[in-house]
Amino acid sequence: MVLQVRNQGAPIAADELQTIFEPFHRARSAAESAAKGWGLGLPLVRGIAEAHGGKATVTSSADEGTCFTVTLPVDATGQQRLTA
């Protein structure tokens, strides 16, 4: 199963794409905005996806915009069911 969230705002800088899923990290544009946050939302998304045998990724470019993708298996293995 694949869930994608896209936007056409300013792209996330390439160097920030490597750290965007780290706890307490906020992109420069987010840190400079009026919106407050702790930088925990994306690490939680990735952790939940991985706990269910999936993954969370991000791509961002001026042409394509930003796309966050969560991929989950339709049928997790027995071990994944026990730990999820």
C-alpha atoms as a PDB file:
ATOM      1  CA  MET A   1       0.000   0.000   0.000  1.00  0.00           C
ATOM      2  CA  VAL A   2       1.364   3.433  -0.899  1.00  0.00           C
ATOM      3  CA  LEU A   3       0.335   6.787   0.550  1.00  0.00           C
ATOM      4  CA  GLN A   4       1.757   9.979  -0.956  1.00  0.00           C
ATOM      5  CA  VAL A   5       1.468  13.591   0.134  1.00  0.00           C
ATOM      6  CA  ARG A   6       2.615  16.172  -2.426  1.00  0.00           C
ATOM      7  CA  ASN A   7       2.927  19.925  -2.512  1.00  0.00           C
ATOM      8  CA  GLN A   8       4.223  22.429  -5.018  1.00  0.00           C
ATOM      9  CA  GLY A   9       5.789  24.836  -2.518  1.00  0.00           C
ATOM     10  CA  ALA A  10       9.470  25.690  -2.348  1.00  0.00           C
ATOM     11  CA  PRO A  11      11.587  22.524  -2.570  1.00  0.00           C
ATOM     12  CA  ILE A  12      13.490  21.143   0.405  1.00  0.00           C
ATOM     13  CA  ALA A  13      17.232  21.667  -0.007  1.00  0.00           C
ATOM     14  CA  ALA A  14      19.140  18.543  -1.083  1.00  0.00           C
ATOM     15  CA  ASP A  15      21.387  18.614   1.992  1.00  0.00           C
ATOM     16  CA  GLU A  16      18.312  18.671   4.258  1.00  0.00           C
ATOM     17  CA  LEU A  17      16.714  15.648   2.586  1.00  0.00           C
ATOM     18  CA  GLN A  18      19.399  13.489   4.242  1.00  0.00           C
ATOM     19  CA  THR A  19      18.394  14.573   7.766  1.00  0.00           C
ATOM     20  CA  ILE A  20      14.715  15.435   7.527  1.00  0.00           C
ATOM     21  CA  PHE A  21      13.608  12.213   9.291  1.00  0.00           C
ATOM     22  CA  GLU A  22      15.971  12.754  12.256  1.00  0.00           C
ATOM     23  CA  PRO A  23      14.327  13.677  15.580  1.00  0.00           C
ATOM     24  CA  PHE A  24      14.183  17.400  16.373  1.00  0.00           C
ATOM     25  CA  HIS A  25      15.358  18.357  12.872  1.00  0.00           C
ATOM     26  CA  ARG A  26      13.417  21.045  11.053  1.00  0.00           C
ATOM     27  CA  ALA A  27      14.130  22.297   7.573  1.00  0.00           C
ATOM     28  CA  ARG A  28      15.492  25.834   7.428  1.00  0.00           C
ATOM     29  CA  SER A  29      12.276  27.072   5.840  1.00  0.00           C
ATOM     30  CA  ALA A  30      10.198  25.529   8.642  1.00  0.00           C
ATOM     31  CA  ALA A  31      12.472  26.890  11.355  1.00  0.00           C
ATOM     32  CA  GLU A  32      12.182  30.388   9.865  1.00  0.00           C
ATOM     33  CA  SER A  33       8.393  30.281   9.493  1.00  0.00           C
ATOM     34  CA  ALA A  34       5.853  31.407  12.061  1.00  0.00           C
ATOM     35  CA  ALA A  35       4.659  27.797  12.493  1.00  0.00           C
ATOM     36  CA  LYS A  36       6.086  26.191  15.609  1.00  0.00           C
ATOM     37  CA  GLY A  37       7.078  22.558  15.862  1.00  0.00           C
ATOM     38  CA  TRP A  38       9.361  20.128  17.647  1.00  0.00           C
ATOM     39  CA  GLY A  39      10.667  18.247  14.636  1.00  0.00           C
ATOM     40  CA  LEU A  40       9.131  14.946  15.738  1.00  0.00           C
ATOM     41  CA  GLY A  41       6.369  14.382  13.181  1.00  0.00           C
ATOM     42  CA  LEU A  42       8.467  12.906  10.362  1.00  0.00           C
ATOM     43  CA  PRO A  43      10.567  10.670  12.666  1.00  0.00           C
ATOM     44  CA  LEU A  44       7.299   9.303  14.078  1.00  0.00           C
ATOM     45  CA  VAL A  45       5.940   8.659  10.588  1.00  0.00           C
ATOM     46  CA  ARG A  46       9.115   6.797   9.606  1.00  0.00           C
ATOM     47  CA  GLY A  47       9.160   4.821  12.877  1.00  0.00           C
ATOM     48  CA  ILE A  48       5.543   3.722  12.501  1.00  0.00           C
ATOM     49  CA  ALA A  49       6.072   2.745   8.863  1.00  0.00           C
ATOM     50  CA  GLU A  50       9.198   0.713   9.708  1.00  0.00           C
ATOM     51  CA  ALA A  51       7.477  -0.952  12.689  1.00  0.00           C
ATOM     52  CA  HIS A  52       4.911  -2.273  10.218  1.00  0.00           C
ATOM     53  CA  GLY A  53       7.498  -3.497   7.704  1.00  0.00           C
ATOM     54  CA  GLY A  54       7.348  -0.433   5.486  1.00  0.00           C
ATOM     55  CA  LYS A  55       9.297   2.729   4.849  1.00  0.00           C
ATOM     56  CA  ALA A  56       8.902   6.490   4.568  1.00  0.00           C
ATOM     57  CA  THR A  57      10.787   8.537   1.975  1.00  0.00           C
ATOM     58  CA  VAL A  58      10.864  12.053   0.568  1.00  0.00           C
ATOM     59  CA  THR A  59      11.784  13.576  -2.784  1.00  0.00           C
ATOM     60  CA  SER A  60      11.877  17.265  -3.563  1.00  0.00           C
ATOM     61  CA  SER A  61      12.698  19.366  -6.612  1.00  0.00           C
ATOM     62  CA  ALA A  62      11.653  22.676  -8.118  1.00  0.00           C
ATOM     63  CA  ASP A  63      10.048  20.874 -11.088  1.00  0.00           C
ATOM     64  CA  GLU A  64       8.173  18.123  -9.223  1.00  0.00           C
ATOM     65  CA  GLY A  65       7.556  19.743  -5.829  1.00  0.00           C
ATOM     66  CA  THR A  66       7.918  17.757  -2.614  1.00  0.00           C
ATOM     67  CA  CYS A  67       6.516  14.248  -2.201  1.00  0.00           C
ATOM     68  CA  PHE A  68       6.455  12.263   1.039  1.00  0.00           C
ATOM     69  CA  THR A  69       5.772   8.566   0.429  1.00  0.00           C
ATOM     70  CA  VAL A  70       4.818   5.906   2.996  1.00  0.00           C
ATOM     71  CA  THR A  71       4.940   2.345   1.709  1.00  0.00           C
ATOM     72  CA  LEU A  72       3.442  -0.480   3.796  1.00  0.00           C
ATOM     73  CA  PRO A  73       3.147  -4.186   3.036  1.00  0.00           C
ATOM     74  CA  VAL A  74      -0.420  -5.345   2.485  1.00  0.00           C
ATOM     75  CA  ASP A  75       0.215  -8.511   4.481  1.00  0.00           C
ATOM     76  CA  ALA A  76       2.967  -8.277   7.108  1.00  0.00           C
ATOM     77  CA  THR A  77       4.897 -11.383   8.144  1.00  0.00           C
ATOM     78  CA  GLY A  78       4.114 -13.068  11.442  1.00  0.00           C
ATOM     79  CA  GLN A  79       6.970 -11.302  13.276  1.00  0.00           C
ATOM     80  CA  GLN A  80       5.822  -7.902  12.041  1.00  0.00           C
ATOM     81  CA  ARG A  81       2.288  -8.626  13.250  1.00  0.00           C
ATOM     82  CA  LEU A  82       3.594  -9.506  16.712  1.00  0.00           C
ATOM     83  CA  THR A  83       5.679  -6.350  17.101  1.00  0.00           C
ATOM     84  CA  ALA A  84       3.289  -3.890  15.455  1.00  0.00           C
END
